[in-house]
């Protein structure tokens, strides 16, 4: 089930999963809400999916399932270049 972002949600990930062709499951059912102006960090061991998560934010890769919403709009409507700008907060 997808949660609706509240008024302060800037970025929302809902049930994001990503596996690579070699079978490696990089992300499984990730849910995250980041409020505008919020400072956060992504930490984890090598191979935990940190870089994959950031590449999904910027549309450098596509998730196998789930959705990423930035400023209330699904990222599938953006090119990689415009999505990177939105994620940086300059929209």
PDB file of N, CA and C in Angstrom:
ATOM      1  N   UNK A   1       0.837  -1.174   0.000  1.00  0.00           N
ATOM      2  CA  UNK A   1       0.000   0.000   0.000  1.00  0.00           C
ATOM      3  C   UNK A   1       0.883   1.239   0.000  1.00  0.00           C
ATOM      4  N   UNK A   2       0.571   2.200  -0.827  1.00  0.00           N
ATOM      5  CA  UNK A   2       1.341   3.426  -0.916  1.00  0.00           C
ATOM      6  C   UNK A   2       0.791   4.449   0.061  1.00  0.00           C
ATOM      7  N   UNK A   3       1.689   5.044   0.855  1.00  0.00           N
ATOM      8  CA  UNK A   3       1.276   6.101   1.763  1.00  0.00           C
ATOM      9  C   UNK A   3       1.291   7.419   1.019  1.00  0.00           C
ATOM     10  N   UNK A   4       0.314   8.282   1.307  1.00  0.00           N
ATOM     11  CA  UNK A   4       0.302   9.607   0.706  1.00  0.00           C
ATOM     12  C   UNK A   4       1.294  10.477   1.464  1.00  0.00           C
ATOM     13  N   UNK A   5       2.121  11.243   0.746  1.00  0.00           N
ATOM     14  CA  UNK A   5       3.042  12.138   1.431  1.00  0.00           C
ATOM     15  C   UNK A   5       2.270  13.249   2.128  1.00  0.00           C
ATOM     16  N   UNK A   6       2.779  13.685   3.278  1.00  0.00           N
ATOM     17  CA  UNK A   6       2.133  14.813   3.933  1.00  0.00           C
ATOM     18  C   UNK A   6       2.659  16.112   3.322  1.00  0.00           C
ATOM     19  N   UNK A   7       2.182  17.242   3.796  1.00  0.00           N
ATOM     20  CA  UNK A   7       2.496  18.535   3.174  1.00  0.00           C
ATOM     21  C   UNK A   7       3.982  18.868   3.192  1.00  0.00           C
ATOM     22  N   UNK A   8       4.729  18.313   4.140  1.00  0.00           N
ATOM     23  CA  UNK A   8       6.149  18.649   4.221  1.00  0.00           C
ATOM     24  C   UNK A   8       7.048  17.610   3.558  1.00  0.00           C
ATOM     25  N   UNK A   9       6.471  16.535   3.017  1.00  0.00           N
ATOM     26  CA  UNK A   9       7.282  15.501   2.383  1.00  0.00           C
ATOM     27  C   UNK A   9       7.859  16.024   1.078  1.00  0.00           C
ATOM     28  N   UNK A  10       9.166  15.922   0.955  1.00  0.00           N
ATOM     29  CA  UNK A  10       9.882  16.371  -0.237  1.00  0.00           C
ATOM     30  C   UNK A  10      10.181  15.178  -1.142  1.00  0.00           C
ATOM     31  N   UNK A  11      10.622  14.085  -0.532  1.00  0.00           N
ATOM     32  CA  UNK A  11      10.958  12.867  -1.270  1.00  0.00           C
ATOM     33  C   UNK A  11      10.319  11.685  -0.550  1.00  0.00           C
ATOM     34  N   UNK A  12       9.675  10.819  -1.309  1.00  0.00           N
ATOM     35  CA  UNK A  12       9.068   9.623  -0.730  1.00  0.00           C
ATOM     36  C   UNK A  12       9.407   8.412  -1.577  1.00  0.00           C
ATOM     37  N   UNK A  13       9.872   7.358  -0.929  1.00  0.00           N
ATOM     38  CA  UNK A  13      10.089   6.065  -1.572  1.00  0.00           C
ATOM     39  C   UNK A  13       9.087   5.093  -0.972  1.00  0.00           C
ATOM     40  N   UNK A  14       8.394   4.358  -1.817  1.00  0.00           N
ATOM     41  CA  UNK A  14       7.399   3.390  -1.355  1.00  0.00           C
ATOM     42  C   UNK A  14       7.678   2.031  -1.973  1.00  0.00           C
ATOM     43  N   UNK A  15       8.020   1.084  -1.126  1.00  0.00           N
ATOM     44  CA  UNK A  15       8.235  -0.314  -1.508  1.00  0.00           C
ATOM     45  C   UNK A  15       9.180  -0.459  -2.701  1.00  0.00           C
ATOM     46  N   UNK A  16      10.313   0.218  -2.625  1.00  0.00           N
ATOM     47  CA  UNK A  16      11.320   0.178  -3.685  1.00  0.00           C
ATOM     48  C   UNK A  16      12.121  -1.117  -3.596  1.00  0.00           C
ATOM     49  N   UNK A  17      12.214  -1.807  -4.716  1.00  0.00           N
ATOM     50  CA  UNK A  17      13.061  -2.998  -4.825  1.00  0.00           C
ATOM     51  C   UNK A  17      13.881  -2.905  -6.101  1.00  0.00           C
ATOM     52  N   UNK A  18      15.104  -3.432  -6.029  1.00  0.00           N
ATOM     53  CA  UNK A  18      15.991  -3.432  -7.197  1.00  0.00           C
ATOM     54  C   UNK A  18      16.890  -4.653  -7.121  1.00  0.00           C
ATOM     55  N   UNK A  19      16.878  -5.448  -8.196  1.00  0.00           N
ATOM     56  CA  UNK A  19      17.786  -6.587  -8.329  1.00  0.00           C
ATOM     57  C   UNK A  19      18.561  -6.399  -9.621  1.00  0.00           C
ATOM     58  N   UNK A  20      19.784  -6.851  -9.637  1.00  0.00           N
ATOM     59  CA  UNK A  20      20.627  -6.747 -10.825  1.00  0.00           C
ATOM     60  C   UNK A  20      20.537  -8.034 -11.642  1.00  0.00           C
ATOM     61  N   UNK A  21      20.898  -7.980 -12.934  1.00  0.00           N
ATOM     62  CA  UNK A  21      20.794  -9.160 -13.803  1.00  0.00           C
ATOM     63  C   UNK A  21      21.530 -10.394 -13.272  1.00  0.00           C
ATOM     64  N   UNK A  22      22.578 -10.176 -12.469  1.00  0.00           N
ATOM     65  CA  UNK A  22      23.320 -11.312 -11.916  1.00  0.00           C
ATOM     66  C   UNK A  22      22.612 -11.942 -10.716  1.00  0.00           C
ATOM     67  N   UNK A  23      21.416 -11.423 -10.367  1.00  0.00           N
ATOM     68  CA  UNK A  23      20.643 -11.994  -9.274  1.00  0.00           C
ATOM     69  C   UNK A  23      20.825 -11.321  -7.932  1.00  0.00           C
ATOM     70  N   UNK A  24      21.752 -10.388  -7.822  1.00  0.00           N
ATOM     71  CA  UNK A  24      21.985  -9.690  -6.555  1.00  0.00           C
ATOM     72  C   UNK A  24      20.798  -8.775  -6.256  1.00  0.00           C
ATOM     73  N   UNK A  25      20.179  -8.963  -5.092  1.00  0.00           N
ATOM     74  CA  UNK A  25      19.063  -8.125  -4.649  1.00  0.00           C
ATOM     75  C   UNK A  25      19.663  -6.941  -3.904  1.00  0.00           C
ATOM     76  N   UNK A  26      19.738  -5.778  -4.554  1.00  0.00           N
ATOM     77  CA  UNK A  26      20.362  -4.600  -3.957  1.00  0.00           C
ATOM     78  C   UNK A  26      19.451  -3.936  -2.931  1.00  0.00           C
ATOM     79  N   UNK A  27      18.155  -3.859  -3.227  1.00  0.00           N
ATOM     80  CA  UNK A  27      17.178  -3.229  -2.333  1.00  0.00           C
ATOM     81  C   UNK A  27      15.905  -4.063  -2.325  1.00  0.00           C
ATOM     82  N   UNK A  28      15.281  -4.145  -1.152  1.00  0.00           N
ATOM     83  CA  UNK A  28      14.035  -4.915  -1.050  1.00  0.00           C
ATOM     84  C   UNK A  28      13.036  -4.156  -0.182  1.00  0.00           C
ATOM     85  N   UNK A  29      11.933  -3.733  -0.785  1.00  0.00           N
ATOM     86  CA  UNK A  29      10.811  -3.088  -0.083  1.00  0.00           C
ATOM     87  C   UNK A  29      11.243  -1.923   0.814  1.00  0.00           C
ATOM     88  N   UNK A  30      11.988  -0.985   0.249  1.00  0.00           N
ATOM     89  CA  UNK A  30      12.454   0.189   0.991  1.00  0.00           C
ATOM     90  C   UNK A  30      11.351   1.239   1.030  1.00  0.00           C
ATOM     91  N   UNK A  31      11.060   1.752   2.219  1.00  0.00           N
ATOM     92  CA  UNK A  31      10.101   2.840   2.421  1.00  0.00           C
ATOM     93  C   UNK A  31      10.819   3.961   3.158  1.00  0.00           C
ATOM     94  N   UNK A  32      10.668   5.185   2.660  1.00  0.00           N
ATOM     95  CA  UNK A  32      11.394   6.316   3.236  1.00  0.00           C
ATOM     96  C   UNK A  32      10.657   7.598   2.904  1.00  0.00           C
ATOM     97  N   UNK A  33      10.541   8.490   3.875  1.00  0.00           N
ATOM     98  CA  UNK A  33      10.013   9.829   3.630  1.00  0.00           C
ATOM     99  C   UNK A  33      11.028  10.830   4.145  1.00  0.00           C
ATOM    100  N   UNK A  34      11.332  11.820   3.315  1.00  0.00           N
ATOM    101  CA  UNK A  34      12.287  12.866   3.678  1.00  0.00           C
ATOM    102  C   UNK A  34      11.565  14.197   3.552  1.00  0.00           C
ATOM    103  N   UNK A  35      11.509  14.945   4.643  1.00  0.00           N
ATOM    104  CA  UNK A  35      10.843  16.244   4.637  1.00  0.00           C
ATOM    105  C   UNK A  35      11.745  17.297   4.009  1.00  0.00           C
ATOM    106  N   UNK A  36      11.130  18.318   3.443  1.00  0.00           N
ATOM    107  CA  UNK A  36      11.903  19.412   2.863  1.00  0.00           C
ATOM    108  C   UNK A  36      12.740  20.052   3.965  1.00  0.00           C
ATOM    109  N   UNK A  37      14.016  20.247   3.697  1.00  0.00           N
ATOM    110  CA  UNK A  37      14.938  20.838   4.656  1.00  0.00           C
ATOM    111  C   UNK A  37      15.537  19.854   5.646  1.00  0.00           C
ATOM    112  N   UNK A  38      15.072  18.628   5.650  1.00  0.00           N
ATOM    113  CA  UNK A  38      15.573  17.611   6.569  1.00  0.00           C
ATOM    114  C   UNK A  38      16.967  17.166   6.143  1.00  0.00           C
ATOM    115  N   UNK A  39      17.828  16.972   7.106  1.00  0.00           N
ATOM    116  CA  UNK A  39      19.172  16.459   6.857  1.00  0.00           C
ATOM    117  C   UNK A  39      19.171  14.987   7.267  1.00  0.00           C
ATOM    118  N   UNK A  40      19.668  14.134   6.384  1.00  0.00           N
ATOM    119  CA  UNK A  40      19.676  12.705   6.676  1.00  0.00           C
ATOM    120  C   UNK A  40      20.942  12.092   6.107  1.00  0.00           C
ATOM    121  N   UNK A  41      21.249  10.900   6.539  1.00  0.00           N
ATOM    122  CA  UNK A  41      22.406  10.172   6.032  1.00  0.00           C
ATOM    123  C   UNK A  41      22.005   8.763   5.641  1.00  0.00           C
ATOM    124  N   UNK A  42      22.758   8.202   4.738  1.00  0.00           N
ATOM    125  CA  UNK A  42      22.561   6.816   4.324  1.00  0.00           C
ATOM    126  C   UNK A  42      23.846   6.083   4.667  1.00  0.00           C
ATOM    127  N   UNK A  43      23.758   5.134   5.578  1.00  0.00           N
ATOM    128  CA  UNK A  43      24.940   4.391   5.998  1.00  0.00           C
ATOM    129  C   UNK A  43      24.687   2.899   5.836  1.00  0.00           C
ATOM    130  N   UNK A  44      25.763   2.151   5.715  1.00  0.00           N
ATOM    131  CA  UNK A  44      25.661   0.705   5.602  1.00  0.00           C
ATOM    132  C   UNK A  44      26.973   0.131   5.124  1.00  0.00           C
ATOM    133  N   UNK A  45      27.095  -1.156   5.245  1.00  0.00           N
ATOM    134  CA  UNK A  45      28.335  -1.816   4.834  1.00  0.00           C
ATOM    135  C   UNK A  45      28.443  -1.826   3.309  1.00  0.00           C
ATOM    136  N   UNK A  46      29.588  -2.198   2.829  1.00  0.00           N
ATOM    137  CA  UNK A  46      29.826  -2.308   1.394  1.00  0.00           C
ATOM    138  C   UNK A  46      28.843  -3.306   0.791  1.00  0.00           C
ATOM    139  N   UNK A  47      28.194  -2.911  -0.295  1.00  0.00           N
ATOM    140  CA  UNK A  47      27.237  -3.792  -0.954  1.00  0.00           C
ATOM    141  C   UNK A  47      25.834  -3.755  -0.382  1.00  0.00           C
ATOM    142  N   UNK A  48      25.573  -2.836   0.552  1.00  0.00           N
ATOM    143  CA  UNK A  48      24.259  -2.779   1.203  1.00  0.00           C
ATOM    144  C   UNK A  48      23.186  -2.094   0.357  1.00  0.00           C
ATOM    145  N   UNK A  49      23.581  -1.403  -0.722  1.00  0.00           N
ATOM    146  CA  UNK A  49      22.602  -0.760  -1.599  1.00  0.00           C
ATOM    147  C   UNK A  49      22.574   0.756  -1.532  1.00  0.00           C
ATOM    148  N   UNK A  50      23.541   1.359  -0.846  1.00  0.00           N
ATOM    149  CA  UNK A  50      23.566   2.824  -0.712  1.00  0.00           C
ATOM    150  C   UNK A  50      23.679   3.516  -2.065  1.00  0.00           C
ATOM    151  N   UNK A  51      24.625   3.105  -2.865  1.00  0.00           N
ATOM    152  CA  UNK A  51      24.824   3.725  -4.184  1.00  0.00           C
ATOM    153  C   UNK A  51      23.642   3.451  -5.101  1.00  0.00           C
ATOM    154  N   UNK A  52      23.092   2.260  -5.027  1.00  0.00           N
ATOM    155  CA  UNK A  52      21.915   1.929  -5.835  1.00  0.00           C
ATOM    156  C   UNK A  52      20.762   2.855  -5.474  1.00  0.00           C
ATOM    157  N   UNK A  53      20.551   3.091  -4.197  1.00  0.00           N
ATOM    158  CA  UNK A  53      19.482   3.980  -3.752  1.00  0.00           C
ATOM    159  C   UNK A  53      19.663   5.380  -4.332  1.00  0.00           C
ATOM    160  N   UNK A  54      20.870   5.899  -4.287  1.00  0.00           N
ATOM    161  CA  UNK A  54      21.126   7.232  -4.835  1.00  0.00           C
ATOM    162  C   UNK A  54      20.955   7.263  -6.345  1.00  0.00           C
ATOM    163  N   UNK A  55      21.334   6.190  -7.012  1.00  0.00           N
ATOM    164  CA  UNK A  55      21.155   6.130  -8.469  1.00  0.00           C
ATOM    165  C   UNK A  55      19.666   6.085  -8.839  1.00  0.00           C
ATOM    166  N   UNK A  56      18.852   5.502  -7.985  1.00  0.00           N
ATOM    167  CA  UNK A  56      17.404   5.498  -8.221  1.00  0.00           C
ATOM    168  C   UNK A  56      16.814   6.893  -8.034  1.00  0.00           C
ATOM    169  N   UNK A  57      17.295   7.618  -7.018  1.00  0.00           N
ATOM    170  CA  UNK A  57      16.844   8.999  -6.804  1.00  0.00           C
ATOM    171  C   UNK A  57      17.030   9.831  -8.069  1.00  0.00           C
ATOM    172  N   UNK A  58      18.169   9.654  -8.707  1.00  0.00           N
ATOM    173  CA  UNK A  58      18.557  10.486  -9.849  1.00  0.00           C
ATOM    174  C   UNK A  58      18.168   9.899 -11.200  1.00  0.00           C
ATOM    175  N   UNK A  59      17.415   8.805 -11.206  1.00  0.00           N
ATOM    176  CA  UNK A  59      16.972   8.133 -12.436  1.00  0.00           C
ATOM    177  C   UNK A  59      18.128   7.623 -13.280  1.00  0.00           C
ATOM    178  N   UNK A  60      19.258   7.389 -12.658  1.00  0.00           N
ATOM    179  CA  UNK A  60      20.364   6.763 -13.375  1.00  0.00           C
ATOM    180  C   UNK A  60      20.095   5.274 -13.524  1.00  0.00           C
ATOM    181  N   UNK A  61      19.208   4.748 -12.677  1.00  0.00           N
ATOM    182  CA  UNK A  61      18.708   3.379 -12.773  1.00  0.00           C
ATOM    183  C   UNK A  61      17.223   3.416 -12.441  1.00  0.00           C
ATOM    184  N   UNK A  62      16.511   2.401 -12.842  1.00  0.00           N
ATOM    185  CA  UNK A  62      15.087   2.291 -12.528  1.00  0.00           C
ATOM    186  C   UNK A  62      14.864   1.164 -11.531  1.00  0.00           C
ATOM    187  N   UNK A  63      13.939   1.383 -10.613  1.00  0.00           N
ATOM    188  CA  UNK A  63      13.573   0.348  -9.650  1.00  0.00           C
ATOM    189  C   UNK A  63      12.791  -0.751 -10.361  1.00  0.00           C
ATOM    190  N   UNK A  64      12.894  -1.970  -9.848  1.00  0.00           N
ATOM    191  CA  UNK A  64      12.102  -3.076 -10.378  1.00  0.00           C
ATOM    192  C   UNK A  64      10.649  -2.961  -9.932  1.00  0.00           C
ATOM    193  N   UNK A  65      10.445  -2.413  -8.733  1.00  0.00           N
ATOM    194  CA  UNK A  65       9.090  -2.211  -8.227  1.00  0.00           C
ATOM    195  C   UNK A  65       9.095  -1.055  -7.241  1.00  0.00           C
ATOM    196  N   UNK A  66       7.910  -0.553  -6.953  1.00  0.00           N
ATOM    197  CA  UNK A  66       7.764   0.573  -6.044  1.00  0.00           C
ATOM    198  C   UNK A  66       7.751   1.894  -6.788  1.00  0.00           C
ATOM    199  N   UNK A  67       7.711   2.977  -6.014  1.00  0.00           N
ATOM    200  CA  UNK A  67       7.681   4.292  -6.635  1.00  0.00           C
ATOM    201  C   UNK A  67       8.488   5.299  -5.835  1.00  0.00           C
ATOM    202  N   UNK A  68       9.020   6.268  -6.559  1.00  0.00           N
ATOM    203  CA  UNK A  68       9.744   7.382  -5.958  1.00  0.00           C
ATOM    204  C   UNK A  68       8.992   8.644  -6.342  1.00  0.00           C
ATOM    205  N   UNK A  69       8.627   9.430  -5.334  1.00  0.00           N
ATOM    206  CA  UNK A  69       7.872  10.659  -5.554  1.00  0.00           C
ATOM    207  C   UNK A  69       8.699  11.826  -5.025  1.00  0.00           C
ATOM    208  N   UNK A  70       8.911  12.822  -5.876  1.00  0.00           N
ATOM    209  CA  UNK A  70       9.644  14.030  -5.499  1.00  0.00           C
ATOM    210  C   UNK A  70       8.723  15.212  -5.771  1.00  0.00           C
ATOM    211  N   UNK A  71       8.542  16.059  -4.772  1.00  0.00           N
ATOM    212  CA  UNK A  71       7.627  17.210  -4.898  1.00  0.00           C
ATOM    213  C   UNK A  71       6.227  16.770  -5.319  1.00  0.00           C
ATOM    214  N   UNK A  72       5.785  15.609  -4.859  1.00  0.00           N
ATOM    215  CA  UNK A  72       4.445  15.140  -5.160  1.00  0.00           C
ATOM    216  C   UNK A  72       4.256  14.514  -6.531  1.00  0.00           C
ATOM    217  N   UNK A  73       5.324  14.389  -7.320  1.00  0.00           N
ATOM    218  CA  UNK A  73       5.216  13.810  -8.654  1.00  0.00           C
ATOM    219  C   UNK A  73       6.117  12.591  -8.782  1.00  0.00           C
ATOM    220  N   UNK A  74       5.600  11.566  -9.431  1.00  0.00           N
ATOM    221  CA  UNK A  74       6.361  10.338  -9.639  1.00  0.00           C
ATOM    222  C   UNK A  74       7.558  10.623 -10.541  1.00  0.00           C
ATOM    223  N   UNK A  75       8.712  10.066 -10.211  1.00  0.00           N
ATOM    224  CA  UNK A  75       9.928  10.349 -10.988  1.00  0.00           C
ATOM    225  C   UNK A  75       9.904   9.774 -12.390  1.00  0.00           C
ATOM    226  N   UNK A  76       8.990   8.861 -12.678  1.00  0.00           N
ATOM    227  CA  UNK A  76       8.947   8.314 -14.043  1.00  0.00           C
ATOM    228  C   UNK A  76       8.607   9.396 -15.064  1.00  0.00           C
ATOM    229  N   UNK A  77       8.098  10.543 -14.599  1.00  0.00           N
ATOM    230  CA  UNK A  77       7.762  11.650 -15.490  1.00  0.00           C
ATOM    231  C   UNK A  77       8.960  12.549 -15.789  1.00  0.00           C
ATOM    232  N   UNK A  78      10.098  12.281 -15.158  1.00  0.00           N
ATOM    233  CA  UNK A  78      11.278  13.133 -15.302  1.00  0.00           C
ATOM    234  C   UNK A  78      12.394  12.420 -16.049  1.00  0.00           C
ATOM    235  N   UNK A  79      13.208  13.191 -16.740  1.00  0.00           N
ATOM    236  CA  UNK A  79      14.454  12.658 -17.291  1.00  0.00           C
ATOM    237  C   UNK A  79      15.454  12.565 -16.146  1.00  0.00           C
ATOM    238  N   UNK A  80      16.560  11.876 -16.365  1.00  0.00           N
ATOM    239  CA  UNK A  80      17.595  11.773 -15.331  1.00  0.00           C
ATOM    240  C   UNK A  80      18.108  13.155 -14.951  1.00  0.00           C
ATOM    241  N   UNK A  81      18.310  14.039 -15.925  1.00  0.00           N
ATOM    242  CA  UNK A  81      18.845  15.377 -15.646  1.00  0.00           C
ATOM    243  C   UNK A  81      17.872  16.207 -14.810  1.00  0.00           C
ATOM    244  N   UNK A  82      16.593  16.200 -15.158  1.00  0.00           N
ATOM    245  CA  UNK A  82      15.640  17.006 -14.402  1.00  0.00           C
ATOM    246  C   UNK A  82      15.366  16.404 -13.031  1.00  0.00           C
ATOM    247  N   UNK A  83      15.427  15.090 -12.906  1.00  0.00           N
ATOM    248  CA  UNK A  83      15.204  14.444 -11.619  1.00  0.00           C
ATOM    249  C   UNK A  83      16.344  14.757 -10.653  1.00  0.00           C
ATOM    250  N   UNK A  84      17.553  14.811 -11.145  1.00  0.00           N
ATOM    251  CA  UNK A  84      18.700  15.167 -10.306  1.00  0.00           C
ATOM    252  C   UNK A  84      18.541  16.582  -9.779  1.00  0.00           C
ATOM    253  N   UNK A  85      18.041  17.483 -10.607  1.00  0.00           N
ATOM    254  CA  UNK A  85      17.807  18.860 -10.184  1.00  0.00           C
ATOM    255  C   UNK A  85      16.732  18.917  -9.108  1.00  0.00           C
ATOM    256  N   UNK A  86      15.645  18.155  -9.278  1.00  0.00           N
ATOM    257  CA  UNK A  86      14.570  18.133  -8.281  1.00  0.00           C
ATOM    258  C   UNK A  86      15.055  17.584  -6.951  1.00  0.00           C
ATOM    259  N   UNK A  87      15.818  16.517  -6.986  1.00  0.00           N
ATOM    260  CA  UNK A  87      16.318  15.901  -5.756  1.00  0.00           C
ATOM    261  C   UNK A  87      17.247  16.844  -5.018  1.00  0.00           C
ATOM    262  N   UNK A  88      17.939  17.702  -5.757  1.00  0.00           N
ATOM    263  CA  UNK A  88      18.838  18.670  -5.132  1.00  0.00           C
ATOM    264  C   UNK A  88      18.065  19.818  -4.502  1.00  0.00           C
ATOM    265  N   UNK A  89      16.773  19.906  -4.793  1.00  0.00           N
ATOM    266  CA  UNK A  89      15.938  20.902  -4.144  1.00  0.00           C
ATOM    267  C   UNK A  89      15.861  22.234  -4.856  1.00  0.00           C
ATOM    268  N   UNK A  90      16.333  22.308  -6.088  1.00  0.00           N
ATOM    269  CA  UNK A  90      16.332  23.597  -6.772  1.00  0.00           C
ATOM    270  C   UNK A  90      15.155  23.767  -7.712  1.00  0.00           C
ATOM    271  N   UNK A  91      14.171  22.917  -7.582  1.00  0.00           N
ATOM    272  CA  UNK A  91      12.988  23.021  -8.446  1.00  0.00           C
ATOM    273  C   UNK A  91      12.130  24.173  -8.025  1.00  0.00           C
TER     274      UNK A  91
END
